[in-house]
């Protein structure tokens, strides 16, 4: 046991030391070399593409990639199942005599991709070592991908518009969780987004949430959305209240565009100590709350004018007292107004029913939203006419620890020593661990 611990420390310490002066393209070879100390004889790194439809092999060269599958679909594959549910899954039958595993790459709760690890033997300690290696590899990837065009090109399937290039570099990670909240967001069309942006941030017990939809579907819309996001962040970090936040966004838009561009949005703050949600509606669709995975409430709040129009309408800060397990959903009209030619809109009812049904199936929140966006794309025959964005935040409770409910919601609970299969559905029955939902 002591020898195994030393081998694990050597693997992680050597890789961490090497990472300081290493381009991300060198990571696959370096990870394999360092992992040999812990008894792993091959390590492959697969990263999820931008739209979360496939897994792409990160390799140092074409020659290094040649013996392996360059791409793996997420739907209908063993690797895809490990990615979808966050579980450690065997990559090859034990009867082959070789022990290979798919191990999730996680940056916190953000699903980066998978490792494929080959080991000389199988034991709980080996799986724990695999997960430690995956955690370090994920951290290295995330720390270096902002300066790596190789990674940016790898995870794209086609060219990206200028507006989308700007927006993706401004957005926070698509998933976050701690013991109090679980947050996940997605937006499409991934390669052509223009005016939609979402944001969230944690500030002590407060959780800031926002969604913006800028006028138009061009580069100017992308610039307006980026300006709104920057103004909102700047105002809230100066300690401005919600009405002041919205006014700061409006002032920035007026100064830059002089009434020629506008942005709608919801700006909200959740107090995780009390469950009090406060928000301001600036010409946007009202937030939705899903309670007990059955009841859907559209939060009423008198909207004021879109930011940038300077119509002089009064702003109202509205309040809602949430209960543990309530999910706040913010969205833009591209989600609900998607339609086939001549057909009905996707609609709010279909949208909320999708969230409820897939949550009941025990899917992690990021996987539910991944499937939602692909369902919207399919409903619109693969091409949206407007940006479609959804941001969902579940308030779990006031305590940071224990965080097992957040782990359930994001799929982390099937990612741990000894969790060889994603048994996510099995423990959903008591996933509140003593917290009865309203009406239960």
Protein backbone atom coordinates (compact mmCIF):
# COMPACT_ATOMS: atom_id res chain seq x y z
CA UNK A 1 0.00 0.00 0.00
CA UNK A 2 2.83 2.40 0.89
CA UNK A 3 4.52 1.60 -2.42
CA UNK A 4 1.27 2.33 -4.31
CA UNK A 5 0.90 5.68 -2.54
CA UNK A 6 4.45 6.64 -3.48
CA UNK A 7 3.83 5.68 -7.11
CA UNK A 8 0.68 7.80 -7.21
CA UNK A 9 2.45 10.80 -5.71
CA UNK A 10 5.28 10.42 -8.20
CA UNK A 11 2.84 10.28 -11.12
CA UNK A 12 1.01 13.44 -10.06
CA UNK A 13 4.07 15.37 -8.91
CA UNK A 14 6.01 14.62 -12.10
CA UNK A 15 3.10 15.63 -14.35
CA UNK A 16 2.42 18.80 -12.38
CA UNK A 17 6.09 19.80 -12.56
CA UNK A 18 6.24 19.10 -16.30
CA UNK A 19 3.06 21.10 -16.94
CA UNK A 20 4.55 24.47 -16.03
CA UNK A 21 6.63 24.66 -19.23
CA UNK A 22 4.56 22.50 -21.56
CA UNK A 23 2.22 23.31 -24.44
CA UNK A 24 -1.06 21.46 -24.21
CA UNK A 25 -0.22 19.42 -27.33
CA UNK A 26 2.55 17.73 -25.33
CA UNK A 27 0.17 16.68 -22.58
CA UNK A 28 -0.85 13.25 -23.99
CA UNK A 29 2.74 12.01 -24.23
CA UNK A 30 3.75 13.54 -20.92
CA UNK A 31 0.70 12.11 -19.14
CA UNK A 32 1.45 8.62 -20.46
CA UNK A 33 5.07 8.88 -19.43
CA UNK A 34 4.28 10.05 -15.89
CA UNK A 35 1.39 7.58 -15.51
CA UNK A 36 3.74 4.67 -16.07
CA UNK A 37 4.96 5.21 -12.50
CA UNK A 38 1.52 4.16 -11.25
CA UNK A 39 1.28 1.14 -13.54
CA UNK A 40 -0.65 2.66 -16.45
CA UNK A 41 0.82 1.80 -19.82
CA UNK A 42 -1.36 3.98 -22.06
CA UNK A 43 -3.27 7.21 -21.55
CA UNK A 44 -5.42 8.78 -24.28
CA UNK A 45 -7.13 12.17 -23.96
CA UNK A 46 -10.47 12.88 -25.62
CA UNK A 47 -12.08 16.33 -25.48
CA UNK A 48 -15.76 17.07 -26.05
CA UNK A 49 -16.51 19.20 -29.09
CA UNK A 50 -18.24 22.57 -28.77
CA UNK A 51 -21.75 21.19 -29.30
CA UNK A 52 -21.20 18.16 -27.08
CA UNK A 53 -21.92 15.65 -29.85
CA UNK A 54 -18.58 13.84 -30.08
CA UNK A 55 -15.25 13.26 -28.35
CA UNK A 56 -12.08 14.28 -30.19
CA UNK A 57 -8.65 12.73 -29.64
CA UNK A 58 -5.95 15.13 -28.47
CA UNK A 59 -2.64 13.90 -29.90
CA UNK A 60 0.84 15.33 -30.27
CA UNK A 61 0.98 14.49 -33.97
CA UNK A 62 -0.89 12.73 -36.76
CA UNK A 63 1.47 9.80 -36.37
CA UNK A 64 0.66 9.49 -32.66
CA UNK A 65 -3.07 9.64 -33.41
CA UNK A 66 -3.05 7.10 -36.24
CA UNK A 67 -3.51 3.86 -34.24
CA UNK A 68 -6.51 5.27 -32.35
CA UNK A 69 -10.02 6.47 -33.14
CA UNK A 70 -9.83 10.19 -33.82
CA UNK A 71 -13.50 10.81 -32.98
CA UNK A 72 -16.14 9.01 -30.94
CA UNK A 73 -19.83 9.94 -30.96
CA UNK A 74 -21.36 10.71 -27.58
CA UNK A 75 -24.67 9.11 -28.48
CA UNK A 76 -24.68 5.32 -28.52
CA UNK A 77 -21.13 4.58 -27.37
CA UNK A 78 -19.58 3.35 -24.13
CA UNK A 79 -17.36 6.42 -24.05
CA UNK A 80 -20.40 8.63 -24.57
CA UNK A 81 -22.15 6.98 -21.64
CA UNK A 82 -19.19 7.75 -19.37
CA UNK A 83 -19.34 11.37 -20.56
CA UNK A 84 -23.11 11.71 -20.21
CA UNK A 85 -23.41 10.27 -16.73
CA UNK A 86 -20.00 11.11 -15.29
CA UNK A 87 -19.13 7.52 -14.42
CA UNK A 88 -16.01 5.37 -14.60
CA UNK A 89 -16.78 2.67 -17.20
CA UNK A 90 -14.70 -0.25 -18.56
CA UNK A 91 -13.52 0.47 -22.10
CA UNK A 92 -12.89 -3.19 -22.94
CA UNK A 93 -14.21 -6.53 -21.60
CA UNK A 94 -12.23 -8.02 -18.73
CA UNK A 95 -11.94 -11.24 -20.76
CA UNK A 96 -9.41 -9.56 -23.04
CA UNK A 97 -6.87 -9.62 -20.22
CA UNK A 98 -6.31 -5.86 -20.49
CA UNK A 99 -7.93 -3.43 -18.10
CA UNK A 100 -9.02 -0.24 -19.85
CA UNK A 101 -11.29 2.44 -18.46
CA UNK A 102 -13.08 5.57 -19.58
CA UNK A 103 -12.53 8.20 -16.88
CA UNK A 104 -14.32 11.59 -16.93
CA UNK A 105 -12.23 14.74 -17.22
CA UNK A 106 -13.84 17.31 -14.94
CA UNK A 107 -12.98 20.92 -14.23
CA UNK A 108 -15.01 21.22 -11.05
CA UNK A 109 -18.33 20.07 -12.50
CA UNK A 110 -17.63 21.19 -16.08
CA UNK A 111 -17.35 18.14 -18.34
CA UNK A 112 -14.19 18.60 -20.40
CA UNK A 113 -13.89 15.12 -21.92
CA UNK A 114 -12.55 11.67 -21.05
CA UNK A 115 -9.34 9.78 -20.41
CA UNK A 116 -8.90 6.27 -21.77
CA UNK A 117 -6.50 4.57 -19.36
CA UNK A 118 -4.95 1.11 -19.71
CA UNK A 119 -3.73 -0.64 -16.58
CA UNK A 120 -1.83 -3.83 -15.79
CA UNK A 121 -4.33 -4.86 -13.12
CA UNK A 122 -7.67 -3.85 -11.65
CA UNK A 123 -8.37 -2.84 -8.04
CA UNK A 124 -10.20 -0.01 -6.24
CA UNK A 125 -6.89 1.74 -5.63
CA UNK A 126 -6.12 1.68 -9.35
CA UNK A 127 -9.42 3.35 -10.15
CA UNK A 128 -8.72 6.01 -7.53
CA UNK A 129 -5.33 6.66 -9.17
CA UNK A 130 -7.05 6.99 -12.57
CA UNK A 131 -9.41 9.60 -11.19
CA UNK A 132 -6.57 11.54 -9.58
CA UNK A 133 -4.74 11.52 -12.90
CA UNK A 134 -7.91 12.65 -14.75
CA UNK A 135 -8.41 15.51 -12.31
CA UNK A 136 -4.90 16.81 -12.85
CA UNK A 137 -5.10 16.40 -16.64
CA UNK A 138 -8.38 18.34 -16.69
CA UNK A 139 -6.87 21.17 -14.66
CA UNK A 140 -3.89 21.37 -17.00
CA UNK A 141 -6.12 21.44 -20.09
CA UNK A 142 -8.34 24.18 -18.68
CA UNK A 143 -5.36 26.28 -17.61
CA UNK A 144 -3.79 26.08 -21.07
CA UNK A 145 -6.67 25.96 -23.56
CA UNK A 146 -7.07 29.75 -23.52
CA UNK A 147 -3.66 30.02 -25.20
CA UNK A 148 -3.99 26.97 -27.45
CA UNK A 149 -5.38 27.30 -30.96
CA UNK A 150 -4.72 23.57 -31.34
CA UNK A 151 -7.39 22.81 -28.75
CA UNK A 152 -9.76 25.44 -30.16
CA UNK A 153 -9.53 23.89 -33.62
CA UNK A 154 -9.80 20.34 -32.30
CA UNK A 155 -13.18 20.91 -30.64
CA UNK A 156 -14.74 22.68 -33.64
CA UNK A 157 -16.43 20.92 -36.51
CA UNK A 158 -16.73 24.00 -38.74
CA UNK A 159 -15.85 27.66 -38.99
CA UNK A 160 -17.16 30.03 -36.34
CA UNK A 161 -18.65 33.48 -36.89
CA UNK A 162 -16.86 36.52 -35.51
CA UNK A 163 -19.68 37.22 -33.03
CA UNK A 164 -19.58 33.64 -31.74
CA UNK A 165 -15.79 33.82 -31.38
CA UNK A 166 -16.23 36.82 -29.10
CA UNK A 167 -19.12 35.40 -27.08
CA UNK A 168 -17.56 32.02 -26.25
CA UNK A 169 -14.46 33.74 -24.89
CA UNK A 170 -16.57 35.88 -22.54
CA UNK A 171 -18.82 33.23 -21.03
CA UNK A 172 -18.26 31.43 -17.72
CA UNK A 173 -18.02 27.61 -17.63
CA UNK A 174 -21.28 25.96 -18.64
CA UNK A 175 -21.63 24.11 -15.31
CA UNK A 176 -20.96 25.04 -11.68
CA UNK A 177 -22.01 23.50 -8.37
CA UNK A 178 -21.34 23.68 -4.67
CA UNK A 179 -23.37 22.51 -1.69
CA UNK A 180 -25.88 25.35 -2.13
CA UNK A 181 -26.56 25.56 -5.87
CA UNK A 182 -26.16 23.70 -9.12
CA UNK A 183 -25.98 25.86 -12.24
CA UNK A 184 -25.86 24.81 -15.88
CA UNK A 185 -26.28 26.67 -19.16
CA UNK A 186 -26.13 26.05 -22.89
CA UNK A 187 -26.64 28.05 -26.05
CA UNK A 188 -27.03 27.46 -29.76
CA UNK A 189 -26.31 27.85 -32.61
CA UNK A 190 -22.84 27.24 -31.22
CA UNK A 191 -20.96 28.45 -34.30
CA UNK A 192 -23.25 31.37 -35.13
CA UNK A 193 -24.43 32.84 -31.83
CA UNK A 194 -24.58 36.59 -31.90
CA UNK A 195 -26.51 38.52 -29.27
CA UNK A 196 -27.25 35.99 -26.52
CA UNK A 197 -25.05 35.79 -23.43
CA UNK A 198 -25.50 34.32 -19.97
CA UNK A 199 -23.58 34.89 -16.77
CA UNK A 200 -23.41 33.73 -13.17
CA UNK A 201 -21.06 34.36 -10.28
CA UNK A 202 -20.73 33.45 -6.62
CA UNK A 203 -20.19 36.24 -4.07
CA UNK A 204 -20.21 34.78 -0.57
CA UNK A 205 -23.79 33.65 0.06
CA UNK A 206 -25.07 35.50 -3.02
CA UNK A 207 -25.44 33.96 -6.47
CA UNK A 208 -25.67 36.39 -9.38
CA UNK A 209 -27.57 35.21 -12.46
CA UNK A 210 -28.18 37.00 -15.75
CA UNK A 211 -29.28 36.38 -19.30
CA UNK A 212 -29.14 38.96 -22.10
CA UNK A 213 -30.59 38.95 -25.61
CA UNK A 214 -29.23 41.69 -27.86
CA UNK A 215 -31.14 43.08 -30.81
CA UNK A 216 -30.22 41.53 -34.16
CA UNK A 217 -28.34 38.47 -35.37
CA UNK A 218 -25.04 39.89 -36.55
CA UNK A 219 -21.66 41.03 -35.29
CA UNK A 220 -23.21 44.23 -33.96
CA UNK A 221 -25.52 42.08 -31.80
CA UNK A 222 -22.47 40.24 -30.50
CA UNK A 223 -20.82 43.54 -29.62
CA UNK A 224 -23.97 44.73 -27.83
CA UNK A 225 -24.23 41.50 -25.86
CA UNK A 226 -20.56 41.69 -24.91
CA UNK A 227 -20.97 45.30 -23.80
CA UNK A 228 -24.02 44.41 -21.69
CA UNK A 229 -22.15 41.55 -20.04
CA UNK A 230 -19.14 43.72 -19.26
CA UNK A 231 -21.27 46.54 -17.84
CA UNK A 232 -23.24 44.12 -15.64
CA UNK A 233 -20.05 42.57 -14.24
CA UNK A 234 -18.46 45.95 -13.64
CA UNK A 235 -21.52 47.35 -11.83
CA UNK A 236 -22.14 44.37 -9.57
CA UNK A 237 -18.45 44.19 -8.61
CA UNK A 238 -18.74 47.80 -7.48
CA UNK A 239 -21.55 46.77 -5.14
CA UNK A 240 -24.37 48.34 -7.15
CA UNK A 241 -27.93 47.07 -6.55
CA UNK A 242 -30.00 45.28 -9.21
CA UNK A 243 -31.70 48.38 -10.56
CA UNK A 244 -28.32 50.10 -10.67
CA UNK A 245 -26.84 47.12 -12.51
CA UNK A 246 -29.50 47.40 -15.22
CA UNK A 247 -29.05 51.16 -15.44
CA UNK A 248 -25.30 50.68 -15.86
CA UNK A 249 -25.95 48.37 -18.81
CA UNK A 250 -28.36 50.89 -20.32
CA UNK A 251 -25.89 53.75 -19.87
CA UNK A 252 -23.13 51.78 -21.59
CA UNK A 253 -25.40 50.96 -24.52
CA UNK A 254 -26.61 54.56 -24.86
CA UNK A 255 -23.09 55.92 -24.73
CA UNK A 256 -21.88 53.52 -27.39
CA UNK A 257 -24.92 53.29 -29.69
CA UNK A 258 -27.11 56.33 -28.92
CA UNK A 259 -30.48 54.50 -28.96
CA UNK A 260 -29.58 52.46 -32.06
CA UNK A 261 -29.15 49.13 -30.24
CA UNK A 262 -30.96 47.56 -27.30
CA UNK A 263 -30.68 44.48 -25.10
CA UNK A 264 -33.38 42.66 -23.13
CA UNK A 265 -32.50 40.67 -20.05
CA UNK A 266 -33.11 39.29 -16.59
CA UNK A 267 -30.70 40.31 -13.81
CA UNK A 268 -31.12 38.30 -10.61
CA UNK A 269 -29.57 37.57 -7.22
CA UNK A 270 -30.23 34.55 -5.07
CA UNK A 271 -29.52 34.65 -1.35
CA UNK A 272 -28.53 31.06 -0.59
CA UNK A 273 -29.03 31.62 3.15
CA UNK A 274 -32.75 32.30 2.79
CA UNK A 275 -33.77 31.20 -0.71
CA UNK A 276 -34.90 34.74 -1.55
CA UNK A 277 -34.61 35.42 -5.27
CA UNK A 278 -34.62 39.06 -6.39
CA UNK A 279 -34.69 40.05 -10.03
CA UNK A 280 -35.28 42.85 -12.49
CA UNK A 281 -36.96 42.25 -15.86
CA UNK A 282 -35.75 44.49 -18.68
CA UNK A 283 -38.16 43.62 -21.48
CA UNK A 284 -37.47 39.88 -21.32
CA UNK A 285 -39.38 36.62 -20.89
CA UNK A 286 -40.16 36.08 -17.19
CA UNK A 287 -38.15 33.53 -15.20
CA UNK A 288 -39.65 30.10 -14.64
CA UNK A 289 -39.54 28.15 -11.38
CA UNK A 290 -39.99 24.37 -11.42
CA UNK A 291 -41.02 22.98 -8.03
CA UNK A 292 -41.25 19.36 -6.93
CA UNK A 293 -40.44 18.48 -10.57
CA UNK A 294 -44.15 18.95 -11.31
CA UNK A 295 -45.26 22.52 -10.79
CA UNK A 296 -44.21 25.24 -13.20
CA UNK A 297 -44.56 28.89 -12.24
CA UNK A 298 -43.87 31.88 -14.46
CA UNK A 299 -42.62 34.54 -12.06
CA UNK A 300 -44.63 37.69 -12.54
CA UNK A 301 -42.83 41.00 -12.40
CA UNK A 302 -43.75 44.18 -14.22
CA UNK A 303 -41.10 44.50 -16.94
CA UNK A 304 -39.54 47.79 -17.80
CA UNK A 305 -38.09 48.88 -21.13
CA UNK A 306 -35.18 47.06 -22.82
CA UNK A 307 -31.75 48.40 -21.92
CA UNK A 308 -30.57 50.97 -24.45
CA UNK A 309 -34.00 52.42 -25.30
CA UNK A 310 -34.17 55.00 -22.46
CA UNK A 311 -37.98 55.01 -22.38
CA UNK A 312 -38.05 56.18 -18.77
CA UNK A 313 -40.29 53.41 -17.43
CA UNK A 314 -39.83 52.64 -13.73
CA UNK A 315 -37.87 49.56 -12.70
CA UNK A 316 -39.14 47.10 -10.10
CA UNK A 317 -37.14 44.63 -8.03
CA UNK A 318 -39.33 41.57 -7.60
CA UNK A 319 -38.99 38.85 -4.96
CA UNK A 320 -39.73 35.14 -4.75
CA UNK A 321 -39.16 32.91 -1.74
CA UNK A 322 -37.77 29.65 -3.10
CA UNK A 323 -37.90 26.26 -1.43
CA UNK A 324 -35.01 23.74 -1.42
CA UNK A 325 -35.02 21.91 -4.74
CA UNK A 326 -36.61 24.75 -6.73
CA UNK A 327 -35.08 25.29 -10.15
CA UNK A 328 -34.88 28.78 -11.64
CA UNK A 329 -34.91 28.77 -15.44
CA UNK A 330 -33.90 31.77 -17.56
CA UNK A 331 -34.16 31.49 -21.34
CA UNK A 332 -34.25 33.42 -24.59
CA UNK A 333 -36.94 33.22 -27.25
CA UNK A 334 -34.84 31.07 -29.57
CA UNK A 335 -35.65 28.11 -27.27
CA UNK A 336 -39.43 28.47 -27.33
CA UNK A 337 -39.91 29.95 -30.81
CA UNK A 338 -37.99 27.29 -32.73
CA UNK A 339 -40.28 25.70 -35.31
CA UNK A 340 -40.32 23.59 -38.41
CA UNK A 341 -41.49 25.36 -41.57
CA UNK A 342 -45.26 25.61 -41.28
CA UNK A 343 -45.29 23.86 -37.89
CA UNK A 344 -46.00 25.01 -34.35
CA UNK A 345 -43.38 26.58 -32.10
CA UNK A 346 -41.41 24.41 -29.70
CA UNK A 347 -43.20 26.40 -27.03
CA UNK A 348 -42.87 27.00 -23.31
CA UNK A 349 -44.99 23.96 -22.37
CA UNK A 350 -42.86 21.58 -24.43
CA UNK A 351 -39.71 23.24 -23.06
CA UNK A 352 -40.65 22.85 -19.39
CA UNK A 353 -42.05 19.35 -19.93
CA UNK A 354 -38.71 18.31 -21.42
CA UNK A 355 -36.85 19.59 -18.34
CA UNK A 356 -39.26 17.83 -15.97
CA UNK A 357 -39.21 14.47 -17.79
CA UNK A 358 -35.45 14.26 -18.10
CA UNK A 359 -34.92 15.37 -14.51
CA UNK A 360 -37.28 12.58 -13.43
CA UNK A 361 -35.17 10.13 -15.45
CA UNK A 362 -32.26 10.93 -13.14
CA UNK A 363 -30.05 12.64 -15.71
CA UNK A 364 -27.40 15.08 -14.52
CA UNK A 365 -28.45 18.69 -15.15
CA UNK A 366 -25.72 19.32 -17.79
CA UNK A 367 -26.85 16.22 -19.70
CA UNK A 368 -30.50 17.32 -19.54
CA UNK A 369 -29.58 20.68 -21.09
CA UNK A 370 -27.35 19.03 -23.69
CA UNK A 371 -30.28 16.90 -24.80
CA UNK A 372 -32.66 19.86 -24.67
CA UNK A 373 -30.56 21.93 -27.04
CA UNK A 374 -30.24 19.03 -29.46
CA UNK A 375 -34.01 18.46 -29.27
CA UNK A 376 -34.58 22.13 -30.11
CA UNK A 377 -32.15 21.88 -33.03
CA UNK A 378 -33.87 18.74 -34.29
CA UNK A 379 -37.28 20.40 -33.95
CA UNK A 380 -35.98 23.25 -36.11
CA UNK A 381 -34.50 20.78 -38.63
CA UNK A 382 -30.93 21.45 -37.54
CA UNK A 383 -30.73 25.20 -38.11
CA UNK A 384 -32.00 27.88 -35.73
CA UNK A 385 -33.08 31.31 -36.95
CA UNK A 386 -32.39 32.87 -33.55
CA UNK A 387 -30.02 32.32 -30.63
CA UNK A 388 -31.39 29.81 -28.12
CA UNK A 389 -30.02 30.07 -24.59
CA UNK A 390 -31.07 28.50 -21.30
CA UNK A 391 -29.61 29.02 -17.82
CA UNK A 392 -30.86 26.80 -14.99
CA UNK A 393 -30.01 27.16 -11.30
CA UNK A 394 -31.25 24.79 -8.60
CA UNK A 395 -31.20 26.08 -5.05
CA UNK A 396 -30.23 23.14 -2.86
CA UNK A 397 -30.02 24.87 0.51
CA UNK A 398 -27.95 27.16 2.68
CA UNK A 399 -25.05 24.87 3.64
CA UNK A 400 -21.87 24.40 1.62
CA UNK A 401 -21.37 20.95 3.15
CA UNK A 402 -22.28 18.21 2.67
CA UNK A 403 -22.39 18.62 -1.10
CA UNK A 404 -23.80 15.22 -2.07
CA UNK A 405 -26.95 16.72 -3.58
CA UNK A 406 -24.88 18.94 -5.86
CA UNK A 407 -22.87 15.85 -6.81
CA UNK A 408 -26.12 14.04 -7.69
CA UNK A 409 -27.35 16.90 -9.83
CA UNK A 410 -24.15 17.23 -11.84
CA UNK A 411 -23.31 13.52 -12.15
CA UNK A 412 -20.34 13.58 -9.79
CA UNK A 413 -21.77 10.93 -7.48
CA UNK A 414 -21.06 8.21 -10.03
CA UNK A 415 -17.51 9.51 -10.38
CA UNK A 416 -15.55 8.14 -7.45
CA UNK A 417 -13.52 5.20 -6.19
CA UNK A 418 -15.30 1.94 -6.83
CA UNK A 419 -18.01 3.49 -9.00
CA UNK A 420 -17.42 1.31 -12.03
CA UNK A 421 -20.80 1.96 -13.60
CA UNK A 422 -22.83 5.18 -13.68
CA UNK A 423 -25.40 4.16 -11.09
CA UNK A 424 -26.87 7.63 -11.07
CA UNK A 425 -30.49 6.53 -11.37
CA UNK A 426 -30.16 4.10 -8.47
CA UNK A 427 -29.59 6.74 -5.82
CA UNK A 428 -31.93 9.40 -7.14
CA UNK A 429 -34.72 7.99 -5.00
CA UNK A 430 -33.16 9.51 -1.89
CA UNK A 431 -31.24 12.24 -3.67
CA UNK A 432 -32.61 14.85 -1.29
CA UNK A 433 -31.08 12.92 1.62
CA UNK A 434 -33.64 13.98 4.15
CA UNK A 435 -34.84 17.21 2.48
CA UNK A 436 -38.47 16.61 1.55
CA UNK A 437 -39.57 18.54 -1.47
CA UNK A 438 -42.64 20.75 -1.21
CA UNK A 439 -45.77 18.65 -1.58
CA UNK A 440 -43.92 15.36 -1.11
